[in-house]
Amino acid sequence: MCAHDPTQHFVRIRERGSVPLTDVLPGLPLDLDLVLIEGHKHAPLPKIVLEHPDERPAIEGPEVIATLP
């Protein structure tokens, strides 16, 4: 996937095998306003939970800072 405008671009590359999140985060630019991480609900990171329209177990814990419908 690639997103581009005249002043910036973003490229997503799928790695072979699993890459630990702890290896990826330190390589991100420090001036990012938002980092979206999907699929790591057990990671000790701040979370904004988006509720699923189907009933599912709630994601709760001290890291959850907001839940949105």
Protein backbone atom coordinates (compact mmCIF):
# COMPACT_ATOMS: atom_id res chain seq x y z
CA MET A 1 0.00 0.00 0.00
CA CYS A 2 1.24 3.50 -0.74
CA ALA A 3 -0.19 6.93 0.14
CA HIS A 4 1.41 10.03 -1.34
CA ASP A 5 0.98 13.79 -1.52
CA PRO A 6 3.42 16.49 -2.72
CA THR A 7 5.24 16.70 0.63
CA GLN A 8 5.15 13.18 2.04
CA HIS A 9 4.57 9.50 1.32
CA PHE A 10 3.77 6.29 3.13
CA VAL A 11 4.59 2.77 1.99
CA ARG A 12 3.44 -0.42 3.70
CA ILE A 13 5.46 -3.56 3.17
CA ARG A 14 4.40 -6.99 4.42
CA GLU A 15 7.27 -8.77 6.15
CA ARG A 16 7.77 -12.50 5.94
CA GLY A 17 7.21 -14.04 9.32
CA SER A 18 6.44 -12.15 12.49
CA VAL A 19 8.14 -8.89 13.47
CA PRO A 20 7.77 -7.98 17.17
CA LEU A 21 6.03 -4.68 17.85
CA THR A 22 8.91 -3.77 20.17
CA ASP A 23 11.23 -3.88 17.13
CA VAL A 24 8.97 -1.62 15.04
CA LEU A 25 8.07 1.20 17.47
CA PRO A 26 11.62 2.56 18.03
CA GLY A 27 12.03 3.06 14.27
CA LEU A 28 9.04 5.39 13.94
CA PRO A 29 9.62 9.14 13.52
CA LEU A 30 9.35 11.06 16.80
CA ASP A 31 7.11 13.79 15.34
CA LEU A 32 4.08 11.55 14.62
CA ASP A 33 0.78 12.75 16.09
CA LEU A 34 -0.90 9.35 16.01
CA VAL A 35 0.19 5.73 15.67
CA LEU A 36 -2.54 3.15 14.98
CA ILE A 37 -1.72 -0.37 16.11
CA GLU A 38 -4.14 -3.17 15.35
CA GLY A 39 -4.18 -6.67 16.77
CA HIS A 40 -2.21 -6.09 19.97
CA LYS A 41 -4.97 -5.83 22.57
CA HIS A 42 -2.78 -7.44 25.23
CA ALA A 43 0.18 -5.09 24.68
CA PRO A 44 0.83 -2.61 27.53
CA LEU A 45 0.02 0.46 25.40
CA PRO A 46 -2.69 3.16 25.68
CA LYS A 47 -5.82 2.00 23.85
CA ILE A 48 -8.89 3.54 22.24
CA VAL A 49 -11.38 0.70 21.79
CA LEU A 50 -13.78 0.77 18.83
CA GLU A 51 -16.85 -1.30 19.71
CA HIS A 52 -17.84 -3.96 17.19
CA PRO A 53 -21.48 -3.96 16.00
CA ASP A 54 -21.74 -7.66 16.96
CA GLU A 55 -21.61 -8.52 20.63
CA ARG A 56 -18.07 -9.41 21.66
CA PRO A 57 -16.23 -9.53 24.97
CA ALA A 58 -15.28 -6.02 26.09
CA ILE A 59 -11.65 -4.97 26.01
CA GLU A 60 -10.95 -3.54 29.44
CA GLY A 61 -7.98 -2.63 31.55
CA PRO A 62 -5.89 0.27 32.78
CA GLU A 63 -4.54 0.95 29.27
CA VAL A 64 -8.03 1.70 27.84
CA ILE A 65 -8.34 5.49 27.72
CA ALA A 66 -11.59 5.60 25.68
CA THR A 67 -14.27 3.37 24.17
CA LEU A 68 -16.10 4.55 21.06
CA PRO A 69 -19.34 3.13 19.62
